[in-house]
N, C-alpha and C. Protein backbone atom coordinates (compact mmCIF):
# COMPACT_ATOMS: atom_id res chain seq x y z
N MET A 1 9.37 -40.89 42.80
CA MET A 1 10.66 -40.18 42.82
C MET A 1 10.48 -38.73 42.64
N ARG A 2 11.37 -37.93 43.18
CA ARG A 2 11.33 -36.48 43.01
C ARG A 2 12.50 -36.03 42.01
N THR A 3 12.15 -34.86 41.37
CA THR A 3 13.14 -34.28 40.48
C THR A 3 13.79 -33.06 41.22
N PHE A 4 15.12 -33.05 41.13
CA PHE A 4 15.84 -31.95 41.80
C PHE A 4 16.58 -31.07 40.81
N GLU A 5 15.96 -30.90 39.63
CA GLU A 5 16.51 -29.98 38.62
C GLU A 5 15.55 -28.87 38.52
N ASP A 6 16.11 -27.62 38.64
CA ASP A 6 15.24 -26.33 38.59
C ASP A 6 15.53 -25.68 37.25
N SER A 7 14.70 -25.88 36.31
CA SER A 7 14.85 -25.38 34.92
C SER A 7 14.39 -23.92 34.82
N TYR A 8 14.73 -23.40 33.60
CA TYR A 8 14.22 -22.02 33.32
C TYR A 8 12.58 -22.09 33.20
N ARG A 9 12.13 -23.21 32.74
CA ARG A 9 10.65 -23.40 32.68
C ARG A 9 10.09 -23.37 34.08
N HIS A 10 10.64 -24.10 35.02
CA HIS A 10 10.19 -24.06 36.35
C HIS A 10 10.20 -22.66 36.91
N LYS A 11 11.25 -21.93 36.73
CA LYS A 11 11.35 -20.50 37.19
C LYS A 11 10.23 -19.67 36.60
N GLY A 12 9.97 -19.85 35.34
CA GLY A 12 8.89 -19.14 34.64
C GLY A 12 7.57 -19.41 35.22
N LEU A 13 7.32 -20.70 35.54
CA LEU A 13 6.05 -21.10 36.17
C LEU A 13 5.90 -20.53 37.59
N ARG A 14 6.98 -20.41 38.30
CA ARG A 14 7.01 -19.81 39.64
C ARG A 14 6.64 -18.35 39.56
N LYS A 15 7.23 -17.63 38.54
CA LYS A 15 6.88 -16.24 38.38
C LYS A 15 5.39 -16.03 38.13
N LYS A 16 4.80 -16.91 37.25
CA LYS A 16 3.33 -16.86 37.01
C LYS A 16 2.57 -17.07 38.27
N LEU A 17 2.99 -18.07 39.09
CA LEU A 17 2.36 -18.31 40.30
C LEU A 17 2.41 -17.12 41.27
N VAL A 18 3.51 -16.51 41.36
CA VAL A 18 3.68 -15.25 42.18
C VAL A 18 2.72 -14.14 41.73
N ASP A 19 2.68 -14.00 40.46
CA ASP A 19 1.73 -12.94 39.84
C ASP A 19 0.27 -13.29 40.20
N LEU A 20 -0.04 -14.60 40.18
CA LEU A 20 -1.40 -14.97 40.55
C LEU A 20 -1.67 -14.66 42.01
N LEU A 21 -0.69 -14.97 42.91
CA LEU A 21 -0.90 -14.77 44.40
C LEU A 21 -1.06 -13.28 44.65
N ARG A 22 -0.30 -12.48 43.92
CA ARG A 22 -0.37 -10.99 44.11
C ARG A 22 -1.78 -10.58 43.64
N ALA A 23 -2.28 -11.12 42.57
CA ALA A 23 -3.58 -10.73 42.11
C ALA A 23 -4.70 -11.23 43.05
N LYS A 24 -4.39 -12.26 43.83
CA LYS A 24 -5.36 -12.81 44.78
C LYS A 24 -5.35 -12.04 46.16
N GLY A 25 -4.44 -11.03 46.29
CA GLY A 25 -4.39 -10.27 47.43
C GLY A 25 -3.19 -10.41 48.36
N ILE A 26 -2.19 -11.18 48.00
CA ILE A 26 -1.01 -11.31 48.84
C ILE A 26 -0.08 -10.15 48.53
N THR A 27 0.15 -9.31 49.51
CA THR A 27 0.82 -8.08 49.42
C THR A 27 2.28 -8.05 50.02
N ASP A 28 2.54 -9.01 50.87
CA ASP A 28 3.87 -9.05 51.53
C ASP A 28 4.93 -9.55 50.47
N GLU A 29 5.75 -8.65 50.07
CA GLU A 29 6.69 -8.94 49.04
C GLU A 29 7.76 -9.97 49.45
N ARG A 30 8.00 -10.06 50.79
CA ARG A 30 8.94 -11.06 51.34
C ARG A 30 8.34 -12.44 51.17
N VAL A 31 7.01 -12.57 51.33
CA VAL A 31 6.36 -13.84 51.11
C VAL A 31 6.43 -14.21 49.66
N LEU A 32 6.17 -13.29 48.80
CA LEU A 32 6.11 -13.57 47.39
C LEU A 32 7.52 -13.92 46.85
N GLU A 33 8.56 -13.26 47.43
CA GLU A 33 9.90 -13.58 46.97
C GLU A 33 10.32 -14.92 47.43
N ALA A 34 9.89 -15.33 48.62
CA ALA A 34 10.20 -16.66 49.18
C ALA A 34 9.61 -17.76 48.23
N ILE A 35 8.38 -17.52 47.84
CA ILE A 35 7.68 -18.49 47.03
C ILE A 35 8.34 -18.53 45.61
N ASN A 36 8.79 -17.33 45.13
CA ASN A 36 9.48 -17.25 43.85
C ASN A 36 10.78 -17.93 43.81
N THR A 37 11.40 -18.11 45.03
CA THR A 37 12.73 -18.60 45.19
C THR A 37 12.76 -20.14 45.34
N ILE A 38 11.69 -20.70 46.02
CA ILE A 38 11.63 -22.12 46.37
C ILE A 38 11.01 -22.97 45.23
N PRO A 39 11.80 -23.98 44.77
CA PRO A 39 11.25 -24.91 43.80
C PRO A 39 10.18 -25.84 44.32
N ARG A 40 8.93 -25.51 44.14
CA ARG A 40 7.84 -26.33 44.81
C ARG A 40 7.84 -27.74 44.29
N HIS A 41 8.32 -27.92 43.05
CA HIS A 41 8.26 -29.24 42.45
C HIS A 41 9.22 -30.21 43.18
N PHE A 42 10.23 -29.69 43.95
CA PHE A 42 11.06 -30.41 44.75
C PHE A 42 10.43 -31.25 45.83
N PHE A 43 9.19 -30.76 46.18
CA PHE A 43 8.44 -31.29 47.36
C PHE A 43 7.39 -32.27 46.91
N LEU A 44 7.31 -32.59 45.55
CA LEU A 44 6.25 -33.37 45.03
C LEU A 44 6.86 -34.50 44.23
N ASP A 45 6.15 -35.63 44.03
CA ASP A 45 6.53 -36.58 43.12
C ASP A 45 6.77 -36.06 41.71
N SER A 46 7.64 -36.63 40.98
CA SER A 46 7.91 -36.05 39.65
C SER A 46 6.66 -36.18 38.71
N ALA A 47 5.69 -37.02 39.09
CA ALA A 47 4.44 -37.10 38.34
C ALA A 47 3.72 -35.77 38.30
N PHE A 48 4.01 -34.93 39.31
CA PHE A 48 3.30 -33.66 39.42
C PHE A 48 4.22 -32.53 38.91
N ASP A 49 5.28 -32.83 38.23
CA ASP A 49 6.22 -31.80 37.77
C ASP A 49 5.41 -30.72 36.97
N GLU A 50 4.58 -31.10 36.05
CA GLU A 50 3.90 -30.11 35.23
C GLU A 50 2.86 -29.32 35.97
N LYS A 51 2.42 -29.77 37.11
CA LYS A 51 1.35 -29.17 37.85
C LYS A 51 1.78 -28.49 39.15
N ALA A 52 3.05 -28.61 39.42
CA ALA A 52 3.53 -28.17 40.78
C ALA A 52 3.27 -26.62 41.03
N TYR A 53 3.17 -25.85 39.97
CA TYR A 53 3.00 -24.44 40.14
C TYR A 53 1.57 -24.00 39.89
N GLU A 54 0.67 -24.92 39.85
CA GLU A 54 -0.68 -24.52 39.93
C GLU A 54 -1.07 -24.16 41.35
N ASP A 55 -2.04 -23.25 41.51
CA ASP A 55 -2.40 -22.94 42.90
C ASP A 55 -3.45 -23.90 43.44
N LYS A 56 -2.92 -25.15 43.64
CA LYS A 56 -3.65 -26.21 44.16
C LYS A 56 -2.92 -26.97 45.24
N ALA A 57 -3.61 -27.65 46.11
CA ALA A 57 -3.01 -28.62 47.02
C ALA A 57 -2.86 -29.95 46.30
N PHE A 58 -1.85 -30.75 46.62
CA PHE A 58 -1.63 -32.04 46.06
C PHE A 58 -1.28 -33.08 47.09
N PRO A 59 -1.60 -34.33 46.81
CA PRO A 59 -1.30 -35.38 47.77
C PRO A 59 0.20 -35.59 47.98
N ILE A 60 0.64 -35.95 49.19
CA ILE A 60 1.96 -36.41 49.44
C ILE A 60 1.77 -37.73 50.18
N ALA A 61 2.83 -38.14 50.92
CA ALA A 61 2.80 -39.46 51.53
C ALA A 61 1.78 -39.57 52.69
N VAL A 62 1.41 -40.74 53.09
CA VAL A 62 0.56 -41.08 54.15
C VAL A 62 -0.79 -40.34 54.23
N GLY A 63 -1.33 -40.11 53.10
CA GLY A 63 -2.63 -39.43 53.04
C GLY A 63 -2.66 -37.93 53.38
N GLN A 64 -1.51 -37.33 53.38
CA GLN A 64 -1.40 -35.88 53.68
C GLN A 64 -1.42 -35.02 52.37
N THR A 65 -1.31 -33.74 52.50
CA THR A 65 -1.22 -32.92 51.34
C THR A 65 -0.22 -31.85 51.51
N ILE A 66 0.28 -31.29 50.40
CA ILE A 66 1.05 -30.08 50.37
C ILE A 66 0.03 -28.96 50.19
N SER A 67 0.05 -27.98 50.95
CA SER A 67 -1.05 -26.99 50.97
C SER A 67 -0.95 -26.21 49.64
N GLN A 68 -2.14 -25.60 49.28
CA GLN A 68 -2.23 -24.73 48.18
C GLN A 68 -1.28 -23.50 48.38
N PRO A 69 -0.58 -23.09 47.39
CA PRO A 69 0.32 -21.98 47.53
C PRO A 69 -0.32 -20.69 48.12
N TYR A 70 -1.58 -20.44 47.75
CA TYR A 70 -2.25 -19.32 48.30
C TYR A 70 -2.42 -19.44 49.85
N THR A 71 -2.69 -20.63 50.29
CA THR A 71 -2.87 -20.91 51.72
C THR A 71 -1.52 -20.69 52.43
N VAL A 72 -0.46 -21.12 51.89
CA VAL A 72 0.87 -21.00 52.46
C VAL A 72 1.22 -19.49 52.51
N ALA A 73 0.93 -18.79 51.43
CA ALA A 73 1.27 -17.33 51.39
C ALA A 73 0.37 -16.58 52.39
N TYR A 74 -0.92 -16.95 52.44
CA TYR A 74 -1.86 -16.30 53.35
C TYR A 74 -1.40 -16.41 54.81
N GLN A 75 -1.10 -17.63 55.24
CA GLN A 75 -0.73 -17.83 56.58
C GLN A 75 0.70 -17.13 56.88
N SER A 76 1.54 -17.18 55.96
CA SER A 76 2.87 -16.59 56.10
C SER A 76 2.71 -15.06 56.26
N GLN A 77 1.85 -14.51 55.45
CA GLN A 77 1.58 -13.03 55.56
C GLN A 77 1.02 -12.67 56.86
N LEU A 78 0.08 -13.43 57.42
CA LEU A 78 -0.54 -13.17 58.68
C LEU A 78 0.49 -13.21 59.80
N LEU A 79 1.46 -14.13 59.68
CA LEU A 79 2.45 -14.24 60.77
C LEU A 79 3.37 -13.01 60.82
N ASP A 80 3.54 -12.30 59.73
CA ASP A 80 4.36 -11.08 59.73
C ASP A 80 5.75 -11.41 60.24
N ILE A 81 6.47 -12.35 59.56
CA ILE A 81 7.77 -12.89 60.00
C ILE A 81 8.81 -11.79 59.90
N ARG A 82 9.66 -11.73 60.91
CA ARG A 82 10.87 -10.85 60.92
C ARG A 82 12.07 -11.76 61.05
N PRO A 83 13.23 -11.28 60.47
CA PRO A 83 14.46 -12.06 60.50
C PRO A 83 14.87 -12.46 61.94
N TYR A 84 15.26 -13.64 62.02
CA TYR A 84 15.79 -14.26 63.31
C TYR A 84 14.69 -14.63 64.32
N GLU A 85 13.40 -14.43 63.98
CA GLU A 85 12.38 -14.83 64.88
C GLU A 85 12.31 -16.36 65.02
N LYS A 86 12.01 -16.79 66.20
CA LYS A 86 11.83 -18.29 66.38
C LYS A 86 10.36 -18.60 66.15
N VAL A 87 10.09 -19.48 65.19
CA VAL A 87 8.75 -19.90 64.89
C VAL A 87 8.54 -21.41 65.10
N LEU A 88 7.44 -21.72 65.79
CA LEU A 88 7.09 -23.05 65.98
C LEU A 88 5.97 -23.46 64.98
N GLU A 89 6.29 -24.43 64.13
CA GLU A 89 5.28 -24.84 63.17
C GLU A 89 4.73 -26.17 63.50
N ILE A 90 3.41 -26.37 63.51
CA ILE A 90 2.80 -27.62 63.87
C ILE A 90 2.32 -28.23 62.59
N GLY A 91 2.86 -29.33 62.19
CA GLY A 91 2.47 -30.00 60.98
C GLY A 91 3.54 -29.76 59.85
N THR A 92 4.65 -30.44 59.87
CA THR A 92 5.71 -30.24 58.87
C THR A 92 5.21 -30.61 57.47
N GLY A 93 4.47 -31.72 57.36
CA GLY A 93 4.08 -32.19 55.99
C GLY A 93 5.24 -32.31 55.07
N SER A 94 5.13 -31.67 53.94
CA SER A 94 6.17 -31.79 52.93
C SER A 94 7.38 -30.90 53.28
N ALA A 95 7.26 -29.99 54.28
CA ALA A 95 8.21 -28.99 54.66
C ALA A 95 8.29 -27.78 53.78
N TYR A 96 7.35 -27.70 52.80
CA TYR A 96 7.35 -26.47 51.86
C TYR A 96 7.06 -25.21 52.68
N GLN A 97 6.13 -25.27 53.60
CA GLN A 97 5.78 -24.05 54.36
C GLN A 97 6.99 -23.75 55.29
N ALA A 98 7.66 -24.65 55.87
CA ALA A 98 8.80 -24.38 56.73
C ALA A 98 9.93 -23.63 55.94
N CYS A 99 10.09 -24.11 54.65
CA CYS A 99 11.09 -23.48 53.80
C CYS A 99 10.74 -22.05 53.48
N VAL A 100 9.40 -21.75 53.26
CA VAL A 100 9.03 -20.35 53.02
C VAL A 100 9.40 -19.48 54.22
N LEU A 101 9.07 -19.97 55.44
CA LEU A 101 9.44 -19.24 56.61
C LEU A 101 10.98 -19.09 56.84
N ALA A 102 11.70 -20.06 56.49
CA ALA A 102 13.20 -19.97 56.60
C ALA A 102 13.74 -18.98 55.58
N GLU A 103 13.18 -18.98 54.37
CA GLU A 103 13.64 -18.03 53.34
C GLU A 103 13.32 -16.63 53.77
N MET A 104 12.36 -16.43 54.65
CA MET A 104 12.01 -15.09 55.19
C MET A 104 12.88 -14.73 56.37
N GLY A 105 13.80 -15.62 56.75
CA GLY A 105 14.72 -15.35 57.84
C GLY A 105 14.41 -15.92 59.18
N ALA A 106 13.34 -16.72 59.30
CA ALA A 106 12.91 -17.21 60.57
C ALA A 106 13.77 -18.46 60.96
N GLN A 107 13.93 -18.73 62.23
CA GLN A 107 14.47 -19.93 62.78
C GLN A 107 13.22 -20.82 63.01
N VAL A 108 13.05 -21.92 62.18
CA VAL A 108 11.84 -22.68 62.33
C VAL A 108 12.08 -23.96 63.03
N PHE A 109 11.16 -24.23 64.01
CA PHE A 109 11.11 -25.42 64.76
C PHE A 109 9.84 -26.13 64.37
N THR A 110 9.88 -27.24 63.61
CA THR A 110 8.68 -27.84 63.06
C THR A 110 8.50 -29.27 63.52
N ILE A 111 7.23 -29.56 63.85
CA ILE A 111 6.80 -30.87 64.39
C ILE A 111 6.02 -31.61 63.47
N GLU A 112 6.29 -32.93 63.24
CA GLU A 112 5.50 -33.82 62.42
C GLU A 112 5.11 -35.07 63.20
N ARG A 113 3.87 -35.39 63.18
CA ARG A 113 3.45 -36.59 64.00
C ARG A 113 3.49 -37.90 63.14
N GLN A 114 3.66 -37.72 61.83
CA GLN A 114 3.77 -38.92 60.97
C GLN A 114 5.21 -39.32 60.80
N ARG A 115 5.59 -40.48 61.35
CA ARG A 115 7.07 -40.95 61.28
C ARG A 115 7.54 -40.95 59.84
N ALA A 116 6.69 -41.45 58.93
CA ALA A 116 7.13 -41.61 57.51
C ALA A 116 7.47 -40.22 56.89
N LEU A 117 6.71 -39.26 57.15
CA LEU A 117 6.98 -37.87 56.68
C LEU A 117 8.25 -37.30 57.30
N PHE A 118 8.34 -37.48 58.58
CA PHE A 118 9.54 -37.04 59.40
C PHE A 118 10.82 -37.60 58.78
N ASP A 119 10.80 -38.97 58.61
CA ASP A 119 12.01 -39.67 58.03
C ASP A 119 12.26 -39.19 56.54
N GLN A 120 11.19 -39.05 55.86
CA GLN A 120 11.46 -38.62 54.42
C GLN A 120 12.08 -37.23 54.34
N ASN A 121 11.65 -36.31 55.25
CA ASN A 121 12.15 -34.90 55.23
C ASN A 121 13.67 -34.94 55.70
N LYS A 122 13.95 -35.78 56.71
CA LYS A 122 15.29 -35.88 57.16
C LYS A 122 16.32 -36.28 56.11
N LEU A 123 15.78 -37.08 55.11
CA LEU A 123 16.66 -37.56 54.04
C LEU A 123 16.65 -36.72 52.83
N SER A 124 15.86 -35.68 52.74
CA SER A 124 15.77 -34.83 51.55
C SER A 124 17.02 -34.04 51.32
N PRO A 125 17.64 -34.16 50.17
CA PRO A 125 18.89 -33.35 49.90
C PRO A 125 18.58 -31.85 49.84
N HIS A 126 17.39 -31.50 49.32
CA HIS A 126 17.01 -30.04 49.24
C HIS A 126 16.94 -29.49 50.65
N LEU A 127 16.35 -30.12 51.57
CA LEU A 127 16.13 -29.57 52.92
C LEU A 127 17.39 -29.40 53.69
N LYS A 128 18.43 -30.06 53.31
CA LYS A 128 19.74 -29.86 53.93
C LYS A 128 20.33 -28.45 53.70
N LYS A 129 19.72 -27.79 52.69
CA LYS A 129 20.12 -26.38 52.39
C LYS A 129 19.54 -25.39 53.45
N TYR A 130 18.70 -25.87 54.27
CA TYR A 130 17.98 -24.98 55.24
C TYR A 130 18.36 -25.30 56.69
N PRO A 131 19.63 -24.85 57.14
CA PRO A 131 19.95 -25.12 58.47
C PRO A 131 19.13 -24.44 59.51
N LYS A 132 18.32 -23.41 59.08
CA LYS A 132 17.40 -22.69 60.02
C LYS A 132 16.20 -23.53 60.44
N ILE A 133 16.01 -24.68 59.74
CA ILE A 133 14.85 -25.55 60.07
C ILE A 133 15.32 -26.65 60.92
N LYS A 134 14.70 -26.84 62.08
CA LYS A 134 14.94 -27.99 63.00
C LYS A 134 13.68 -28.88 62.97
N PHE A 135 13.90 -30.12 62.64
CA PHE A 135 12.82 -31.09 62.48
C PHE A 135 12.62 -31.89 63.78
N PHE A 136 11.33 -32.12 64.17
CA PHE A 136 11.05 -32.88 65.35
C PHE A 136 9.89 -33.85 65.08
N TYR A 137 10.00 -35.07 65.62
CA TYR A 137 8.89 -35.98 65.54
C TYR A 137 8.18 -35.99 66.82
N GLY A 138 6.86 -35.65 66.82
CA GLY A 138 6.19 -35.59 68.09
C GLY A 138 4.72 -35.22 67.93
N ASP A 139 4.11 -34.88 69.05
CA ASP A 139 2.65 -34.53 69.10
C ASP A 139 2.59 -32.99 69.08
N GLY A 140 2.07 -32.43 68.02
CA GLY A 140 1.99 -31.00 67.88
C GLY A 140 1.23 -30.35 68.98
N PHE A 141 0.27 -31.01 69.62
CA PHE A 141 -0.49 -30.35 70.74
C PHE A 141 0.40 -30.09 71.93
N ASP A 142 1.53 -30.77 72.05
CA ASP A 142 2.43 -30.56 73.18
C ASP A 142 3.45 -29.49 72.86
N GLY A 143 3.63 -29.14 71.58
CA GLY A 143 4.60 -28.11 71.21
C GLY A 143 6.07 -28.60 71.55
N LEU A 144 6.91 -27.65 71.82
CA LEU A 144 8.33 -27.89 72.12
C LEU A 144 8.70 -27.03 73.35
N PRO A 145 8.27 -27.35 74.56
CA PRO A 145 8.52 -26.58 75.75
C PRO A 145 9.97 -26.28 75.92
N THR A 146 10.85 -27.24 75.57
CA THR A 146 12.29 -27.10 75.80
C THR A 146 12.89 -25.86 75.05
N TYR A 147 12.28 -25.58 73.88
CA TYR A 147 12.74 -24.54 73.03
C TYR A 147 12.01 -23.20 73.18
N ALA A 148 10.92 -23.22 74.01
CA ALA A 148 10.11 -22.05 74.07
C ALA A 148 10.85 -20.98 74.94
N PRO A 149 10.43 -19.72 74.85
CA PRO A 149 9.27 -19.22 74.14
C PRO A 149 9.56 -18.94 72.71
N PHE A 150 8.45 -18.85 71.91
CA PHE A 150 8.54 -18.57 70.54
C PHE A 150 7.93 -17.29 70.18
N ASP A 151 8.49 -16.67 69.09
CA ASP A 151 7.91 -15.37 68.69
C ASP A 151 6.56 -15.55 67.90
N LYS A 152 6.59 -16.67 67.19
CA LYS A 152 5.37 -16.95 66.38
C LYS A 152 5.04 -18.45 66.42
N VAL A 153 3.77 -18.80 66.28
CA VAL A 153 3.36 -20.19 66.19
C VAL A 153 2.46 -20.34 64.97
N LEU A 154 2.71 -21.28 64.13
CA LEU A 154 1.83 -21.52 62.96
C LEU A 154 1.31 -22.94 63.00
N ILE A 155 0.08 -23.10 62.89
CA ILE A 155 -0.60 -24.47 62.82
C ILE A 155 -1.07 -24.65 61.41
N THR A 156 -0.68 -25.75 60.86
CA THR A 156 -0.98 -26.01 59.37
C THR A 156 -2.01 -27.10 59.23
N ALA A 157 -2.82 -27.36 60.25
CA ALA A 157 -3.90 -28.36 60.17
C ALA A 157 -5.11 -27.78 60.93
N ALA A 158 -6.25 -28.39 60.71
CA ALA A 158 -7.47 -27.88 61.27
C ALA A 158 -7.56 -28.24 62.74
N ALA A 159 -7.42 -27.24 63.67
CA ALA A 159 -7.35 -27.48 65.10
C ALA A 159 -8.77 -27.49 65.65
N PRO A 160 -9.15 -28.53 66.33
CA PRO A 160 -10.48 -28.62 67.02
C PRO A 160 -10.66 -27.60 68.09
N TYR A 161 -9.61 -27.17 68.64
CA TYR A 161 -9.66 -26.11 69.69
C TYR A 161 -8.24 -25.43 69.76
N ILE A 162 -8.16 -24.39 70.49
CA ILE A 162 -6.81 -23.65 70.58
C ILE A 162 -6.06 -24.31 71.67
N PRO A 163 -4.92 -24.98 71.36
CA PRO A 163 -4.11 -25.73 72.30
C PRO A 163 -3.44 -24.80 73.42
N GLU A 164 -3.84 -24.95 74.59
CA GLU A 164 -3.34 -24.12 75.67
C GLU A 164 -1.86 -24.15 75.79
N LYS A 165 -1.26 -25.39 75.60
CA LYS A 165 0.21 -25.55 75.78
C LYS A 165 0.94 -24.72 74.77
N LEU A 166 0.35 -24.52 73.57
CA LEU A 166 1.05 -23.68 72.59
C LEU A 166 0.93 -22.21 72.85
N ILE A 167 -0.22 -21.79 73.47
CA ILE A 167 -0.34 -20.40 73.99
C ILE A 167 0.76 -20.18 75.00
N THR A 168 0.89 -21.06 75.90
CA THR A 168 1.89 -20.97 76.96
C THR A 168 3.34 -20.73 76.37
N GLN A 169 3.56 -21.41 75.28
CA GLN A 169 4.93 -21.43 74.70
C GLN A 169 5.17 -20.15 73.77
N LEU A 170 4.15 -19.31 73.67
CA LEU A 170 4.20 -18.14 72.85
C LEU A 170 4.67 -16.93 73.74
N LYS A 171 5.61 -16.10 73.22
CA LYS A 171 6.07 -14.97 73.96
C LYS A 171 4.89 -13.95 74.08
N VAL A 172 5.00 -13.13 75.07
CA VAL A 172 4.03 -11.93 75.15
C VAL A 172 4.37 -11.05 73.98
N GLY A 173 3.34 -10.71 73.32
CA GLY A 173 3.44 -9.98 72.05
C GLY A 173 3.54 -10.81 70.79
N GLY A 174 3.67 -12.09 71.01
CA GLY A 174 3.83 -13.09 69.88
C GLY A 174 2.48 -13.36 69.29
N LYS A 175 2.57 -13.95 68.08
CA LYS A 175 1.35 -14.27 67.31
C LYS A 175 1.24 -15.68 66.99
N MET A 176 0.02 -16.23 66.97
CA MET A 176 -0.30 -17.54 66.52
C MET A 176 -1.31 -17.46 65.39
N VAL A 177 -1.02 -18.22 64.33
CA VAL A 177 -1.98 -18.28 63.22
C VAL A 177 -2.51 -19.74 63.19
N ILE A 178 -3.82 -19.87 63.22
CA ILE A 178 -4.43 -21.13 63.45
C ILE A 178 -5.76 -21.25 62.66
N PRO A 179 -5.93 -22.31 61.83
CA PRO A 179 -7.22 -22.60 61.23
C PRO A 179 -8.11 -23.35 62.27
N LEU A 180 -9.10 -22.73 62.81
CA LEU A 180 -9.85 -23.38 63.89
C LEU A 180 -11.23 -23.89 63.42
N GLY A 181 -11.49 -25.08 63.81
CA GLY A 181 -12.82 -25.69 63.59
C GLY A 181 -12.77 -27.08 62.97
N GLU A 182 -13.76 -27.89 63.38
CA GLU A 182 -13.83 -29.20 62.81
C GLU A 182 -14.79 -29.23 61.70
N GLY A 183 -14.80 -30.33 60.96
CA GLY A 183 -15.58 -30.33 59.74
C GLY A 183 -14.79 -29.94 58.50
N SER A 184 -15.49 -29.53 57.42
CA SER A 184 -14.84 -29.32 56.18
C SER A 184 -14.28 -27.91 56.02
N VAL A 185 -14.72 -27.00 56.90
CA VAL A 185 -14.28 -25.59 56.70
C VAL A 185 -13.77 -25.05 58.10
N GLN A 186 -12.67 -24.29 58.05
CA GLN A 186 -12.08 -23.65 59.29
C GLN A 186 -12.04 -22.13 59.06
N LYS A 187 -12.12 -21.47 60.19
CA LYS A 187 -11.87 -20.04 60.22
C LYS A 187 -10.42 -19.79 60.58
N MET A 188 -9.75 -18.97 59.75
CA MET A 188 -8.33 -18.58 60.00
C MET A 188 -8.36 -17.46 61.10
N LEU A 189 -7.66 -17.80 62.20
CA LEU A 189 -7.52 -16.87 63.33
C LEU A 189 -6.10 -16.41 63.48
N ARG A 190 -5.89 -15.21 63.98
CA ARG A 190 -4.61 -14.76 64.49
C ARG A 190 -4.77 -14.31 65.86
N LEU A 191 -3.99 -14.96 66.71
CA LEU A 191 -4.04 -14.64 68.15
C LEU A 191 -2.80 -13.85 68.55
N THR A 192 -2.88 -12.78 69.24
CA THR A 192 -1.69 -12.02 69.81
C THR A 192 -1.72 -12.09 71.33
N LYS A 193 -0.68 -12.58 71.89
CA LYS A 193 -0.60 -12.72 73.33
C LYS A 193 -0.36 -11.44 74.03
N LYS A 194 -1.19 -11.15 75.04
CA LYS A 194 -1.05 -9.86 75.79
C LYS A 194 -0.36 -10.02 77.08
N GLU A 195 -0.03 -8.85 77.70
CA GLU A 195 0.70 -8.87 78.91
C GLU A 195 0.04 -9.71 80.01
N ASP A 196 -1.32 -9.71 80.04
CA ASP A 196 -2.01 -10.39 81.05
C ASP A 196 -2.19 -11.92 80.71
N LEU A 197 -1.43 -12.32 79.63
CA LEU A 197 -1.37 -13.79 79.14
C LEU A 197 -2.67 -14.22 78.49
N THR A 198 -3.67 -13.33 78.31
CA THR A 198 -4.81 -13.66 77.50
C THR A 198 -4.43 -13.28 75.99
N CYS A 199 -5.25 -13.55 75.04
CA CYS A 199 -4.99 -13.31 73.66
C CYS A 199 -6.04 -12.45 72.99
N ASN A 200 -5.52 -11.51 72.20
CA ASN A 200 -6.41 -10.78 71.28
C ASN A 200 -6.65 -11.64 70.05
N GLU A 201 -7.90 -11.74 69.60
CA GLU A 201 -8.25 -12.72 68.58
C GLU A 201 -8.85 -12.01 67.32
N GLU A 202 -8.17 -12.20 66.20
CA GLU A 202 -8.61 -11.61 64.88
C GLU A 202 -9.14 -12.78 63.99
N GLU A 203 -10.27 -12.55 63.31
CA GLU A 203 -10.89 -13.51 62.40
C GLU A 203 -10.55 -13.11 60.92
N PHE A 204 -10.25 -14.08 60.15
CA PHE A 204 -9.96 -13.82 58.68
C PHE A 204 -10.82 -14.80 57.84
N ASP A 205 -10.29 -15.27 56.70
CA ASP A 205 -11.17 -15.99 55.79
C ASP A 205 -11.29 -17.52 56.14
N ASN A 206 -12.16 -18.15 55.46
CA ASN A 206 -12.35 -19.57 55.67
C ASN A 206 -11.42 -20.39 54.78
N PHE A 207 -10.94 -21.52 55.30
CA PHE A 207 -10.08 -22.40 54.53
C PHE A 207 -10.52 -23.84 54.89
N SER A 208 -9.85 -24.80 54.19
CA SER A 208 -10.05 -26.22 54.37
C SER A 208 -8.78 -26.90 54.55
N PHE A 209 -8.56 -27.53 55.78
CA PHE A 209 -7.35 -28.21 56.12
C PHE A 209 -7.59 -29.63 56.51
N VAL A 210 -6.53 -30.46 56.47
CA VAL A 210 -6.69 -31.79 57.03
C VAL A 210 -6.73 -31.63 58.57
N PRO A 211 -7.33 -32.52 59.33
CA PRO A 211 -7.46 -32.34 60.75
C PRO A 211 -6.15 -32.47 61.53
N MET A 212 -6.03 -31.69 62.58
CA MET A 212 -4.85 -31.75 63.47
C MET A 212 -5.25 -32.80 64.54
N LEU A 213 -4.39 -33.87 64.57
CA LEU A 213 -4.65 -35.03 65.39
C LEU A 213 -3.64 -35.08 66.56
N GLU A 214 -4.10 -35.65 67.68
CA GLU A 214 -3.28 -35.84 68.80
C GLU A 214 -2.35 -37.05 68.66
N GLY A 215 -1.26 -37.13 69.41
CA GLY A 215 -0.37 -38.33 69.51
C GLY A 215 0.49 -38.40 68.30
N LYS A 216 1.39 -39.42 68.29
CA LYS A 216 2.33 -39.63 67.18
C LYS A 216 1.92 -40.94 66.43
N LYS A 217 2.27 -40.96 65.11
CA LYS A 217 1.90 -42.11 64.35
C LYS A 217 3.17 -42.72 63.77
N GLN A 218 3.36 -44.00 64.00
CA GLN A 218 4.53 -44.74 63.47
C GLN A 218 4.41 -44.99 62.01
């Protein structure tokens, strides 16, 4: 079960988390404010209530994880979100990352391949407060061509390669943030789509994500 009470203690723990993220190099105040606003414990089983504001990843349903807050903040900062931008997120998971983007003013289109997680998120009372998030059950490698083009694309799993379909769905001038690589460690990349439809590629730090898999899972 999840707890949907946001106490003064929870708010104080969030403030400490934000201070830690700032100390670790997160400088985008909009990202920090979003993390300070969102009750992360709402996205975890109540057994993790005391630990929800530690800078750690935790297990959620069907063998997946809710990302470490630093990772969420890092990817969000690289995306450089602006109000009203359309963002395609691959890998909804707990929907915590999607809520951070929505708090920053983005229109979020998020795809989850695990039916159990998709159904769980559709039923969450907290997520009903975020009409800017549209949830889809599908294969992230295919993206959402019907809703393209997107200003930004965020991939929240370890991609074995850069999915060409997602580059196609990105606007010229748009950015994709993607942890690239198989194995235990991935390199965080930011791709910016150019007028000639190729991408400028920037490399950042190493991270560890669950693998991005093809297809849908019932």
